[in-house]
Amino acid sequence: MIYPSSFEQKVGFDRIREQIVECCSMQSARERIAAADFAQSRREVEERLRLADEMRLLLTMESASEIGEQDDIRHIVEKIAVEGAYITVEECATLCRSLRSAAAIVQFILSRSATTYPLLKAMAERVEVFPMLVSAIERVVDDKGEVRSSASPELSQLRRAIREHE
């Protein structure tokens, strides 16, 4: 614990934290930063600084178009964690976009030199990107959140019949 309890305000860390929160592209990241405590050891401070430096370097030196505003999918993940629950077609499309984006970010980092981004690379190696799930969703749902006619032979036939009768 840091003494006194008002230390963050006295040194202006609370204002720095607010600025960092504003720069985050994901709601979950904003919440995590807002709730973060001071590091308790020199080792932890040094590791956080190295990680921040790698991320700064990546964002300033690379054309990381994959990294941008991301959908907050926590509510979708919570829903599908319940056995027997279902998600909407729009939520399937959102989940698919997020999984594709995560895979692109992971691939982007893994394609870079391990000596340039060792901490980011170590983190990326532990990320599961679920390519089979992405493929399964893409076969049924398009990017706009519409069920594809090719999702099933019956749906294709039904939509064809509707078009013919219009």
Protein backbone atom coordinates (compact mmCIF):
# COMPACT_ATOMS: atom_id res chain seq x y z
CA MET A 1 0.00 0.00 0.00
CA ILE A 2 1.15 3.50 -0.83
CA TYR A 3 1.12 6.03 1.98
CA PRO A 4 -0.64 8.46 2.19
CA SER A 5 -3.85 7.42 0.45
CA SER A 6 -3.96 10.74 -1.43
CA PHE A 7 -0.51 10.12 -2.96
CA GLU A 8 -1.88 9.58 -6.49
CA GLN A 9 -3.59 12.97 -6.44
CA LYS A 10 -0.58 14.74 -4.89
CA VAL A 11 1.79 13.55 -7.65
CA GLY A 12 -0.78 13.96 -10.44
CA PHE A 13 -0.97 10.27 -11.26
CA ASP A 14 -4.77 10.39 -11.25
CA ARG A 15 -4.69 12.88 -14.16
CA ILE A 16 -2.17 10.73 -16.06
CA ARG A 17 -4.40 7.69 -15.54
CA GLU A 18 -7.40 9.63 -16.94
CA GLN A 19 -5.40 10.55 -20.05
CA ILE A 20 -4.37 6.93 -20.56
CA VAL A 21 -7.97 5.77 -20.16
CA GLU A 22 -9.04 8.21 -22.89
CA CYS A 23 -6.48 6.67 -25.27
CA CYS A 24 -7.74 3.10 -24.82
CA SER A 25 -9.70 1.68 -27.75
CA MET A 26 -11.61 -0.94 -25.76
CA GLN A 27 -14.05 -0.44 -22.89
CA SER A 28 -12.54 -3.37 -21.00
CA ALA A 29 -9.08 -1.76 -21.29
CA ARG A 30 -10.43 1.57 -20.05
CA GLU A 31 -11.95 -0.16 -17.03
CA ARG A 32 -8.79 -2.13 -16.34
CA ILE A 33 -6.57 0.96 -16.46
CA ALA A 34 -9.01 2.98 -14.32
CA ALA A 35 -8.91 0.25 -11.65
CA ALA A 36 -5.14 -0.38 -11.81
CA ASP A 37 -3.06 0.07 -8.68
CA PHE A 38 0.49 1.20 -8.33
CA ALA A 39 3.04 -1.53 -8.92
CA GLN A 40 4.31 -2.91 -5.63
CA SER A 41 7.84 -3.89 -6.68
CA ARG A 42 10.65 -2.48 -8.75
CA ARG A 43 10.57 -5.60 -10.94
CA GLU A 44 6.87 -5.06 -11.71
CA VAL A 45 7.47 -1.38 -12.54
CA GLU A 46 10.34 -2.26 -14.86
CA GLU A 47 8.30 -4.95 -16.64
CA ARG A 48 5.33 -2.60 -17.11
CA LEU A 49 7.69 0.06 -18.49
CA ARG A 50 9.25 -2.42 -20.94
CA LEU A 51 5.80 -3.54 -22.10
CA ALA A 52 4.62 0.07 -22.50
CA ASP A 53 7.79 0.90 -24.42
CA GLU A 54 7.25 -2.05 -26.78
CA MET A 55 3.68 -0.96 -27.40
CA ARG A 56 4.75 2.65 -27.97
CA LEU A 57 7.39 1.48 -30.43
CA LEU A 58 4.91 -0.75 -32.24
CA LEU A 59 2.32 2.02 -32.55
CA THR A 60 4.81 4.66 -33.72
CA MET A 61 7.05 2.58 -35.98
CA GLU A 62 4.67 0.07 -37.54
CA SER A 63 1.59 0.45 -39.68
CA ALA A 64 -0.59 -1.45 -37.25
CA SER A 65 -3.93 -0.93 -38.94
CA GLU A 66 -5.26 -4.04 -37.18
CA ILE A 67 -5.08 -2.21 -33.86
CA GLY A 68 -7.96 0.19 -33.49
CA GLU A 69 -11.35 0.48 -31.85
CA GLN A 70 -12.52 -2.97 -30.85
CA ASP A 71 -16.00 -4.19 -29.96
CA ASP A 72 -16.60 -5.04 -26.32
CA ILE A 73 -17.70 -8.67 -26.50
CA ARG A 74 -17.73 -9.49 -22.78
CA HIS A 75 -21.53 -9.62 -22.73
CA ILE A 76 -21.50 -12.09 -25.64
CA VAL A 77 -18.89 -14.28 -23.98
CA GLU A 78 -20.92 -14.25 -20.74
CA LYS A 79 -24.03 -15.30 -22.65
CA ILE A 80 -22.40 -18.21 -24.47
CA ALA A 81 -20.79 -19.43 -21.27
CA VAL A 82 -24.25 -20.46 -20.07
CA GLU A 83 -25.21 -23.90 -21.33
CA GLY A 84 -28.33 -23.73 -23.50
CA ALA A 85 -28.04 -19.99 -24.06
CA TYR A 86 -27.97 -18.49 -27.53
CA ILE A 87 -26.77 -15.27 -29.11
CA THR A 88 -28.39 -13.22 -31.83
CA VAL A 89 -27.23 -13.12 -35.43
CA GLU A 90 -25.85 -9.61 -34.83
CA GLU A 91 -23.91 -10.87 -31.82
CA CYS A 92 -22.51 -13.69 -33.97
CA ALA A 93 -21.30 -11.11 -36.49
CA THR A 94 -19.76 -8.99 -33.70
CA LEU A 95 -18.05 -12.04 -32.18
CA CYS A 96 -16.69 -13.04 -35.59
CA ARG A 97 -15.32 -9.54 -36.26
CA SER A 98 -13.65 -9.50 -32.85
CA LEU A 99 -12.11 -12.94 -33.33
CA ARG A 100 -10.82 -11.97 -36.80
CA SER A 101 -9.40 -8.75 -35.40
CA ALA A 102 -7.70 -10.57 -32.51
CA ALA A 103 -6.21 -13.08 -34.95
CA ALA A 104 -4.91 -10.25 -37.15
CA ILE A 105 -3.31 -8.50 -34.18
CA VAL A 106 -1.73 -11.73 -32.96
CA GLN A 107 -0.44 -12.54 -36.45
CA PHE A 108 0.89 -9.00 -36.83
CA ILE A 109 2.87 -9.22 -33.57
CA LEU A 110 4.08 -12.77 -34.20
CA SER A 111 5.36 -11.78 -37.64
CA ARG A 112 7.71 -9.24 -36.06
CA SER A 113 11.15 -9.91 -34.63
CA ALA A 114 11.23 -11.47 -31.17
CA THR A 115 14.07 -9.14 -30.26
CA THR A 116 11.98 -6.06 -31.10
CA TYR A 117 8.84 -6.98 -29.15
CA PRO A 118 9.77 -9.84 -26.78
CA LEU A 119 7.06 -9.16 -24.18
CA LEU A 120 4.31 -8.52 -26.72
CA LYS A 121 5.37 -11.59 -28.67
CA ALA A 122 5.27 -13.74 -25.51
CA MET A 123 1.77 -12.46 -24.78
CA ALA A 124 0.60 -13.02 -28.37
CA GLU A 125 1.87 -16.62 -28.34
CA ARG A 126 -0.59 -17.39 -25.51
CA VAL A 127 -3.66 -15.99 -27.30
CA GLU A 128 -6.14 -18.51 -28.70
CA VAL A 129 -7.76 -17.14 -31.88
CA PHE A 130 -10.31 -19.91 -32.69
CA PRO A 131 -10.01 -20.03 -36.51
CA MET A 132 -12.48 -22.92 -36.79
CA LEU A 133 -15.12 -20.90 -34.92
CA VAL A 134 -14.54 -17.90 -37.21
CA SER A 135 -14.95 -20.14 -40.28
CA ALA A 136 -18.13 -21.69 -38.89
CA ILE A 137 -19.68 -18.28 -38.20
CA GLU A 138 -18.60 -16.92 -41.59
CA ARG A 139 -20.34 -19.81 -43.35
CA VAL A 140 -23.64 -18.78 -41.76
CA VAL A 141 -23.49 -15.04 -41.03
CA ASP A 142 -22.14 -12.17 -43.17
CA ASP A 143 -20.36 -9.05 -41.85
CA LYS A 144 -23.60 -7.09 -41.77
CA GLY A 145 -25.16 -9.56 -39.36
CA GLU A 146 -27.40 -11.19 -41.95
CA VAL A 147 -27.91 -14.93 -42.21
CA ARG A 148 -26.50 -16.11 -45.53
CA SER A 149 -28.84 -17.84 -47.95
CA SER A 150 -26.20 -20.55 -48.19
CA ALA A 151 -26.49 -21.24 -44.44
CA SER A 152 -28.75 -24.17 -45.26
CA PRO A 153 -30.28 -25.69 -48.38
CA GLU A 154 -33.77 -25.08 -46.98
CA LEU A 155 -33.12 -21.38 -46.40
CA SER A 156 -31.63 -20.99 -49.86
CA GLN A 157 -34.65 -22.66 -51.43
CA LEU A 158 -37.08 -20.60 -49.34
CA ARG A 159 -35.42 -17.28 -50.24
CA ARG A 160 -35.31 -18.27 -53.91
CA ALA A 161 -39.04 -19.04 -53.81
CA ILE A 162 -39.76 -15.68 -52.17
CA ARG A 163 -37.77 -13.80 -54.83
CA GLU A 164 -39.61 -15.64 -57.61
CA HIS A 165 -43.00 -14.70 -56.16
CA GLU A 166 -42.21 -11.00 -55.72
